[in-house]
Amino acid sequence: MTERLDRIDRSILAALRRNARITNVALAETAGLSASACLRRVQRLEETGVIRGYTTITAGPGAGEGHVVIVRIGLERQTEDVLNRFEAEVRRHPEIRECYLMTGEEDYLLRLDASGAGDYERIHKEVLSRLPGVVRINSSFAIRSVL
């Protein structure tokens, strides 16, 4: 994205981060625009890739429903081919809810949901250990969500 964001764009983005379901009329009022001008701004932010999508953030699995697992992945090397193959394969697995390319010791950080230790063992054997280029898998189960 090469476009510069002005004060109004930043105001729109801040409001959408707080509540992506805000009505256009309420968003326009927050940004100090007419509804039609606000809608055009939002559409431009979407078209230029500043807004890449909308999502629902859930509280995660409830008691007895499962666990959030944070997985740190180390790759054999960080060539473009290895990274592309890894990322393409990650996208094929709905168990993997988030994936971040990282700086530091590990190459990727994943967040996944597992119904328990047995389910995580299956995911580890059938998914994580078969991802292209993986040489290290380090996993942690979340105790509870703070935010």
N, C-alpha and C. Protein backbone atom coordinates (compact mmCIF):
# COMPACT_ATOMS: atom_id res chain seq x y z
N MET A 1 0.84 -1.16 0.00
CA MET A 1 0.00 0.00 0.00
C MET A 1 0.88 1.23 0.00
N THR A 2 0.73 2.07 -0.99
CA THR A 2 1.57 3.26 -1.11
C THR A 2 0.79 4.51 -0.74
N GLU A 3 -0.47 4.37 -0.52
CA GLU A 3 -1.34 5.51 -0.24
C GLU A 3 -1.15 5.99 1.20
N ARG A 4 -1.19 7.29 1.39
CA ARG A 4 -1.08 7.87 2.72
C ARG A 4 -2.47 8.00 3.32
N LEU A 5 -2.57 7.72 4.60
CA LEU A 5 -3.85 7.83 5.29
C LEU A 5 -3.93 9.19 5.97
N ASP A 6 -5.05 9.86 5.77
CA ASP A 6 -5.24 11.14 6.45
C ASP A 6 -5.98 10.92 7.78
N ARG A 7 -6.25 12.00 8.47
CA ARG A 7 -6.91 11.94 9.77
C ARG A 7 -8.27 11.24 9.68
N ILE A 8 -9.01 11.49 8.63
CA ILE A 8 -10.34 10.89 8.49
C ILE A 8 -10.22 9.38 8.25
N ASP A 9 -9.29 8.97 7.39
CA ASP A 9 -9.07 7.53 7.18
C ASP A 9 -8.70 6.85 8.49
N ARG A 10 -7.81 7.46 9.25
CA ARG A 10 -7.39 6.86 10.53
C ARG A 10 -8.56 6.80 11.50
N SER A 11 -9.44 7.80 11.48
CA SER A 11 -10.62 7.80 12.33
C SER A 11 -11.57 6.66 11.94
N ILE A 12 -11.76 6.47 10.64
CA ILE A 12 -12.61 5.38 10.15
C ILE A 12 -12.03 4.03 10.58
N LEU A 13 -10.73 3.85 10.37
CA LEU A 13 -10.09 2.58 10.73
C LEU A 13 -10.17 2.31 12.23
N ALA A 14 -9.98 3.33 13.03
CA ALA A 14 -10.06 3.15 14.49
C ALA A 14 -11.47 2.73 14.90
N ALA A 15 -12.48 3.35 14.31
CA ALA A 15 -13.86 2.99 14.63
C ALA A 15 -14.17 1.57 14.18
N LEU A 16 -13.69 1.18 13.00
CA LEU A 16 -13.93 -0.18 12.52
C LEU A 16 -13.19 -1.22 13.36
N ARG A 17 -12.02 -0.88 13.88
CA ARG A 17 -11.30 -1.81 14.76
C ARG A 17 -12.08 -2.04 16.04
N ARG A 18 -12.72 -0.99 16.54
CA ARG A 18 -13.52 -1.12 17.75
C ARG A 18 -14.79 -1.91 17.51
N ASN A 19 -15.39 -1.70 16.32
CA ASN A 19 -16.66 -2.35 16.02
C ASN A 19 -16.83 -2.42 14.50
N ALA A 20 -16.47 -3.54 13.91
CA ALA A 20 -16.56 -3.69 12.45
C ALA A 20 -18.00 -3.77 11.97
N ARG A 21 -18.94 -3.92 12.89
CA ARG A 21 -20.36 -4.00 12.51
C ARG A 21 -21.07 -2.65 12.65
N ILE A 22 -20.33 -1.60 12.90
CA ILE A 22 -20.91 -0.27 13.01
C ILE A 22 -21.64 0.07 11.71
N THR A 23 -22.76 0.71 11.81
CA THR A 23 -23.48 1.10 10.59
C THR A 23 -22.71 2.19 9.89
N ASN A 24 -22.93 2.32 8.60
CA ASN A 24 -22.26 3.36 7.83
C ASN A 24 -22.66 4.74 8.34
N VAL A 25 -23.93 4.90 8.73
CA VAL A 25 -24.39 6.19 9.24
C VAL A 25 -23.64 6.56 10.52
N ALA A 26 -23.50 5.60 11.44
CA ALA A 26 -22.77 5.87 12.70
C ALA A 26 -21.28 6.10 12.42
N LEU A 27 -20.74 5.33 11.48
CA LEU A 27 -19.33 5.51 11.12
C LEU A 27 -19.10 6.89 10.52
N ALA A 28 -20.01 7.32 9.66
CA ALA A 28 -19.91 8.64 9.04
C ALA A 28 -19.96 9.73 10.09
N GLU A 29 -20.84 9.56 11.07
CA GLU A 29 -20.94 10.55 12.14
C GLU A 29 -19.65 10.61 12.95
N THR A 30 -19.08 9.45 13.25
CA THR A 30 -17.82 9.39 13.99
C THR A 30 -16.70 10.10 13.23
N ALA A 31 -16.68 9.91 11.90
CA ALA A 31 -15.61 10.48 11.08
C ALA A 31 -15.88 11.91 10.64
N GLY A 32 -17.10 12.41 10.91
CA GLY A 32 -17.44 13.77 10.50
C GLY A 32 -17.71 13.90 9.01
N LEU A 33 -18.30 12.86 8.42
CA LEU A 33 -18.58 12.84 6.98
C LEU A 33 -20.06 12.59 6.74
N SER A 34 -20.49 12.82 5.50
CA SER A 34 -21.82 12.37 5.09
C SER A 34 -21.74 10.86 4.91
N ALA A 35 -22.88 10.19 4.94
CA ALA A 35 -22.91 8.73 4.79
C ALA A 35 -22.32 8.30 3.45
N SER A 36 -22.64 9.03 2.38
CA SER A 36 -22.14 8.64 1.06
C SER A 36 -20.62 8.84 0.96
N ALA A 37 -20.11 9.93 1.51
CA ALA A 37 -18.67 10.18 1.49
C ALA A 37 -17.93 9.12 2.33
N CYS A 38 -18.53 8.74 3.45
CA CYS A 38 -17.92 7.72 4.31
C CYS A 38 -17.88 6.38 3.59
N LEU A 39 -18.97 6.03 2.93
CA LEU A 39 -19.02 4.77 2.19
C LEU A 39 -17.95 4.74 1.10
N ARG A 40 -17.77 5.85 0.39
CA ARG A 40 -16.73 5.91 -0.64
C ARG A 40 -15.35 5.72 -0.03
N ARG A 41 -15.12 6.32 1.13
CA ARG A 41 -13.82 6.17 1.81
C ARG A 41 -13.57 4.71 2.19
N VAL A 42 -14.58 4.08 2.78
CA VAL A 42 -14.43 2.68 3.19
C VAL A 42 -14.17 1.81 1.96
N GLN A 43 -14.90 2.02 0.90
CA GLN A 43 -14.69 1.24 -0.32
C GLN A 43 -13.28 1.45 -0.87
N ARG A 44 -12.77 2.68 -0.83
CA ARG A 44 -11.41 2.94 -1.30
C ARG A 44 -10.39 2.23 -0.40
N LEU A 45 -10.62 2.25 0.91
CA LEU A 45 -9.72 1.55 1.83
C LEU A 45 -9.73 0.04 1.57
N GLU A 46 -10.88 -0.50 1.21
CA GLU A 46 -10.96 -1.92 0.86
C GLU A 46 -10.25 -2.20 -0.46
N GLU A 47 -10.53 -1.37 -1.47
CA GLU A 47 -9.95 -1.59 -2.80
C GLU A 47 -8.44 -1.47 -2.82
N THR A 48 -7.89 -0.60 -1.98
CA THR A 48 -6.43 -0.42 -1.95
C THR A 48 -5.74 -1.40 -1.01
N GLY A 49 -6.53 -2.24 -0.33
CA GLY A 49 -5.94 -3.26 0.53
C GLY A 49 -5.62 -2.80 1.93
N VAL A 50 -5.98 -1.57 2.29
CA VAL A 50 -5.78 -1.14 3.67
C VAL A 50 -6.69 -1.97 4.57
N ILE A 51 -7.94 -2.12 4.15
CA ILE A 51 -8.87 -3.03 4.83
C ILE A 51 -8.86 -4.31 4.01
N ARG A 52 -8.35 -5.38 4.61
CA ARG A 52 -8.23 -6.65 3.88
C ARG A 52 -9.39 -7.59 4.14
N GLY A 53 -10.24 -7.27 5.10
CA GLY A 53 -11.37 -8.14 5.39
C GLY A 53 -11.94 -7.81 6.75
N TYR A 54 -12.98 -8.51 7.08
CA TYR A 54 -13.67 -8.35 8.35
C TYR A 54 -13.75 -9.73 8.99
N THR A 55 -13.69 -9.77 10.31
CA THR A 55 -13.68 -11.05 10.99
C THR A 55 -14.47 -10.97 12.28
N THR A 56 -14.77 -12.12 12.82
CA THR A 56 -15.42 -12.21 14.12
C THR A 56 -14.41 -12.77 15.09
N ILE A 57 -14.23 -12.10 16.21
CA ILE A 57 -13.33 -12.57 17.24
C ILE A 57 -14.18 -13.22 18.32
N THR A 58 -13.95 -14.48 18.55
CA THR A 58 -14.73 -15.19 19.56
C THR A 58 -13.91 -15.33 20.83
N ALA A 59 -14.57 -15.70 21.89
CA ALA A 59 -13.89 -15.90 23.16
C ALA A 59 -13.04 -17.15 23.14
N GLY A 60 -13.14 -17.93 22.09
CA GLY A 60 -12.39 -19.18 22.01
C GLY A 60 -13.24 -20.31 22.58
N PRO A 61 -12.70 -21.50 22.59
CA PRO A 61 -13.46 -22.62 23.10
C PRO A 61 -13.82 -22.42 24.57
N GLY A 62 -15.03 -22.76 24.91
CA GLY A 62 -15.48 -22.65 26.30
C GLY A 62 -15.02 -23.84 27.12
N ALA A 63 -15.39 -23.84 28.38
CA ALA A 63 -15.00 -24.93 29.26
C ALA A 63 -15.47 -26.26 28.69
N GLY A 64 -14.56 -27.21 28.60
CA GLY A 64 -14.89 -28.52 28.09
C GLY A 64 -14.99 -28.60 26.58
N GLU A 65 -14.85 -27.48 25.87
CA GLU A 65 -15.01 -27.49 24.42
C GLU A 65 -13.69 -27.57 23.68
N GLY A 66 -12.58 -27.28 24.33
CA GLY A 66 -11.32 -27.34 23.62
C GLY A 66 -10.28 -26.40 24.19
N HIS A 67 -9.17 -26.31 23.47
CA HIS A 67 -8.03 -25.53 23.94
C HIS A 67 -7.43 -24.74 22.79
N VAL A 68 -6.91 -23.57 23.12
CA VAL A 68 -6.12 -22.80 22.16
C VAL A 68 -4.69 -23.27 22.32
N VAL A 69 -4.06 -23.57 21.19
CA VAL A 69 -2.68 -24.03 21.21
C VAL A 69 -1.85 -23.04 20.38
N ILE A 70 -0.77 -22.56 20.96
CA ILE A 70 0.18 -21.69 20.27
C ILE A 70 1.35 -22.56 19.83
N VAL A 71 1.66 -22.51 18.55
CA VAL A 71 2.70 -23.38 17.99
C VAL A 71 3.76 -22.52 17.32
N ARG A 72 5.00 -22.72 17.70
CA ARG A 72 6.13 -22.05 17.07
C ARG A 72 6.80 -23.05 16.13
N ILE A 73 7.02 -22.63 14.89
CA ILE A 73 7.54 -23.51 13.85
C ILE A 73 8.89 -22.99 13.37
N GLY A 74 9.85 -23.89 13.28
CA GLY A 74 11.15 -23.59 12.68
C GLY A 74 11.25 -24.32 11.35
N LEU A 75 11.71 -23.62 10.33
CA LEU A 75 11.86 -24.21 9.00
C LEU A 75 13.32 -24.55 8.73
N GLU A 76 13.52 -25.46 7.77
CA GLU A 76 14.88 -25.85 7.39
C GLU A 76 15.67 -24.67 6.83
N ARG A 77 14.99 -23.80 6.09
CA ARG A 77 15.61 -22.58 5.56
C ARG A 77 14.49 -21.62 5.16
N GLN A 78 14.87 -20.37 4.95
CA GLN A 78 13.87 -19.35 4.63
C GLN A 78 13.99 -18.89 3.19
N THR A 79 14.00 -19.81 2.27
CA THR A 79 13.99 -19.41 0.87
C THR A 79 12.56 -19.10 0.46
N GLU A 80 12.41 -18.36 -0.59
CA GLU A 80 11.07 -18.00 -1.07
C GLU A 80 10.24 -19.24 -1.36
N ASP A 81 10.85 -20.24 -1.95
CA ASP A 81 10.14 -21.47 -2.28
C ASP A 81 9.64 -22.18 -1.01
N VAL A 82 10.49 -22.33 -0.01
CA VAL A 82 10.10 -23.00 1.23
C VAL A 82 8.98 -22.21 1.93
N LEU A 83 9.13 -20.90 2.01
CA LEU A 83 8.09 -20.08 2.65
C LEU A 83 6.76 -20.19 1.90
N ASN A 84 6.79 -20.11 0.58
CA ASN A 84 5.56 -20.18 -0.21
C ASN A 84 4.88 -21.53 -0.07
N ARG A 85 5.66 -22.62 -0.11
CA ARG A 85 5.07 -23.95 0.03
C ARG A 85 4.47 -24.14 1.41
N PHE A 86 5.16 -23.67 2.46
CA PHE A 86 4.66 -23.77 3.82
C PHE A 86 3.35 -23.00 3.96
N GLU A 87 3.33 -21.75 3.52
CA GLU A 87 2.13 -20.92 3.66
C GLU A 87 0.95 -21.46 2.86
N ALA A 88 1.21 -21.98 1.68
CA ALA A 88 0.12 -22.56 0.86
C ALA A 88 -0.49 -23.76 1.58
N GLU A 89 0.33 -24.57 2.18
CA GLU A 89 -0.18 -25.76 2.88
C GLU A 89 -0.92 -25.37 4.15
N VAL A 90 -0.43 -24.38 4.88
CA VAL A 90 -1.10 -23.92 6.10
C VAL A 90 -2.53 -23.49 5.78
N ARG A 91 -2.71 -22.80 4.66
CA ARG A 91 -4.04 -22.30 4.28
C ARG A 91 -5.04 -23.43 4.03
N ARG A 92 -4.56 -24.63 3.80
CA ARG A 92 -5.44 -25.77 3.51
C ARG A 92 -6.01 -26.42 4.77
N HIS A 93 -5.56 -26.01 5.95
CA HIS A 93 -5.94 -26.68 7.19
C HIS A 93 -6.76 -25.75 8.10
N PRO A 94 -8.06 -26.00 8.21
CA PRO A 94 -8.91 -25.13 9.02
C PRO A 94 -8.60 -25.17 10.51
N GLU A 95 -7.89 -26.20 10.96
CA GLU A 95 -7.50 -26.26 12.37
C GLU A 95 -6.56 -25.11 12.73
N ILE A 96 -5.80 -24.66 11.72
CA ILE A 96 -4.87 -23.56 11.93
C ILE A 96 -5.64 -22.26 11.73
N ARG A 97 -5.88 -21.54 12.83
CA ARG A 97 -6.73 -20.36 12.79
C ARG A 97 -5.98 -19.09 12.43
N GLU A 98 -4.70 -19.01 12.82
CA GLU A 98 -3.87 -17.85 12.52
C GLU A 98 -2.46 -18.33 12.24
N CYS A 99 -1.76 -17.59 11.38
CA CYS A 99 -0.38 -17.94 11.05
C CYS A 99 0.37 -16.63 10.79
N TYR A 100 1.51 -16.46 11.47
CA TYR A 100 2.31 -15.25 11.33
C TYR A 100 3.75 -15.60 10.99
N LEU A 101 4.31 -14.96 9.99
CA LEU A 101 5.74 -15.04 9.71
C LEU A 101 6.42 -14.15 10.74
N MET A 102 7.43 -14.67 11.43
CA MET A 102 8.01 -13.98 12.57
C MET A 102 9.48 -13.62 12.37
N THR A 103 9.93 -12.66 13.15
CA THR A 103 11.36 -12.44 13.32
C THR A 103 11.77 -13.22 14.57
N GLY A 104 13.05 -13.38 14.78
CA GLY A 104 13.50 -14.07 15.98
C GLY A 104 13.87 -15.51 15.72
N GLU A 105 13.84 -16.32 16.77
CA GLU A 105 14.31 -17.71 16.69
C GLU A 105 13.43 -18.59 15.82
N GLU A 106 12.13 -18.45 15.91
CA GLU A 106 11.23 -19.30 15.13
C GLU A 106 10.75 -18.56 13.90
N ASP A 107 10.39 -19.30 12.88
CA ASP A 107 9.99 -18.71 11.62
C ASP A 107 8.51 -18.34 11.57
N TYR A 108 7.66 -19.18 12.16
CA TYR A 108 6.21 -18.94 12.14
C TYR A 108 5.62 -19.16 13.52
N LEU A 109 4.55 -18.42 13.79
CA LEU A 109 3.75 -18.61 14.99
C LEU A 109 2.34 -18.94 14.51
N LEU A 110 1.81 -20.06 14.99
CA LEU A 110 0.47 -20.49 14.62
C LEU A 110 -0.43 -20.49 15.86
N ARG A 111 -1.70 -20.24 15.64
CA ARG A 111 -2.71 -20.44 16.69
C ARG A 111 -3.70 -21.44 16.15
N LEU A 112 -3.96 -22.47 16.92
CA LEU A 112 -4.95 -23.43 16.49
C LEU A 112 -5.83 -23.82 17.66
N ASP A 113 -6.98 -24.41 17.34
CA ASP A 113 -7.90 -24.89 18.35
C ASP A 113 -7.89 -26.41 18.30
N ALA A 114 -7.81 -27.03 19.47
CA ALA A 114 -7.86 -28.49 19.57
C ALA A 114 -8.86 -28.85 20.67
N SER A 115 -9.58 -29.94 20.47
CA SER A 115 -10.59 -30.31 21.46
C SER A 115 -9.96 -30.90 22.73
N GLY A 116 -8.70 -31.20 22.68
CA GLY A 116 -8.00 -31.74 23.84
C GLY A 116 -6.64 -32.26 23.41
N ALA A 117 -5.96 -32.93 24.35
CA ALA A 117 -4.61 -33.42 24.07
C ALA A 117 -4.61 -34.45 22.95
N GLY A 118 -5.60 -35.33 22.92
CA GLY A 118 -5.67 -36.34 21.86
C GLY A 118 -5.86 -35.72 20.49
N ASP A 119 -6.73 -34.71 20.43
CA ASP A 119 -6.95 -34.02 19.16
C ASP A 119 -5.68 -33.29 18.73
N TYR A 120 -5.00 -32.67 19.70
CA TYR A 120 -3.75 -31.99 19.35
C TYR A 120 -2.71 -32.99 18.86
N GLU A 121 -2.65 -34.16 19.47
CA GLU A 121 -1.70 -35.18 19.00
C GLU A 121 -1.99 -35.54 17.55
N ARG A 122 -3.28 -35.68 17.20
CA ARG A 122 -3.65 -35.97 15.81
C ARG A 122 -3.21 -34.84 14.89
N ILE A 123 -3.48 -33.59 15.29
CA ILE A 123 -3.09 -32.43 14.48
C ILE A 123 -1.57 -32.40 14.32
N HIS A 124 -0.85 -32.67 15.39
CA HIS A 124 0.61 -32.68 15.34
C HIS A 124 1.11 -33.72 14.34
N LYS A 125 0.57 -34.94 14.42
CA LYS A 125 1.01 -36.04 13.53
C LYS A 125 0.57 -35.84 12.10
N GLU A 126 -0.70 -35.47 11.91
CA GLU A 126 -1.28 -35.46 10.56
C GLU A 126 -1.12 -34.13 9.83
N VAL A 127 -0.91 -33.05 10.57
CA VAL A 127 -0.85 -31.73 9.93
C VAL A 127 0.51 -31.08 10.13
N LEU A 128 0.83 -30.73 11.37
CA LEU A 128 2.03 -29.92 11.64
C LEU A 128 3.31 -30.60 11.18
N SER A 129 3.49 -31.87 11.52
CA SER A 129 4.74 -32.55 11.17
C SER A 129 4.87 -32.81 9.68
N ARG A 130 3.78 -32.66 8.93
CA ARG A 130 3.81 -32.88 7.48
C ARG A 130 3.90 -31.58 6.68
N LEU A 131 3.90 -30.45 7.36
CA LEU A 131 4.03 -29.18 6.65
C LEU A 131 5.40 -29.11 5.99
N PRO A 132 5.49 -28.59 4.77
CA PRO A 132 6.77 -28.56 4.06
C PRO A 132 7.83 -27.72 4.77
N GLY A 133 9.02 -28.28 4.88
CA GLY A 133 10.16 -27.55 5.40
C GLY A 133 10.28 -27.49 6.92
N VAL A 134 9.36 -28.09 7.65
CA VAL A 134 9.36 -27.99 9.11
C VAL A 134 10.47 -28.86 9.71
N VAL A 135 11.27 -28.25 10.58
CA VAL A 135 12.30 -29.00 11.31
C VAL A 135 12.11 -28.92 12.82
N ARG A 136 11.28 -27.96 13.28
CA ARG A 136 11.07 -27.77 14.72
C ARG A 136 9.63 -27.35 14.97
N ILE A 137 9.00 -28.01 15.96
CA ILE A 137 7.65 -27.66 16.39
C ILE A 137 7.69 -27.52 17.90
N ASN A 138 7.28 -26.36 18.40
CA ASN A 138 7.24 -26.12 19.84
C ASN A 138 5.85 -25.61 20.16
N SER A 139 5.10 -26.33 21.00
CA SER A 139 3.71 -26.00 21.25
C SER A 139 3.44 -25.68 22.71
N SER A 140 2.48 -24.80 22.94
CA SER A 140 2.03 -24.45 24.28
C SER A 140 0.52 -24.37 24.30
N PHE A 141 -0.11 -24.94 25.33
CA PHE A 141 -1.54 -24.83 25.51
C PHE A 141 -1.84 -23.58 26.33
N ALA A 142 -2.81 -22.79 25.87
CA ALA A 142 -3.21 -21.59 26.60
C ALA A 142 -4.01 -22.02 27.83
N ILE A 143 -3.79 -21.36 28.96
CA ILE A 143 -4.54 -21.64 30.16
C ILE A 143 -5.91 -20.97 30.11
N ARG A 144 -5.90 -19.67 29.74
CA ARG A 144 -7.15 -18.93 29.59
C ARG A 144 -6.89 -17.68 28.79
N SER A 145 -7.94 -17.10 28.24
CA SER A 145 -7.84 -15.86 27.50
C SER A 145 -7.90 -14.69 28.47
N VAL A 146 -7.05 -13.71 28.27
CA VAL A 146 -7.05 -12.52 29.10
C VAL A 146 -7.82 -11.39 28.42
N LEU A 147 -7.71 -11.26 27.11
CA LEU A 147 -8.42 -10.24 26.33
C LEU A 147 -9.47 -10.88 25.46
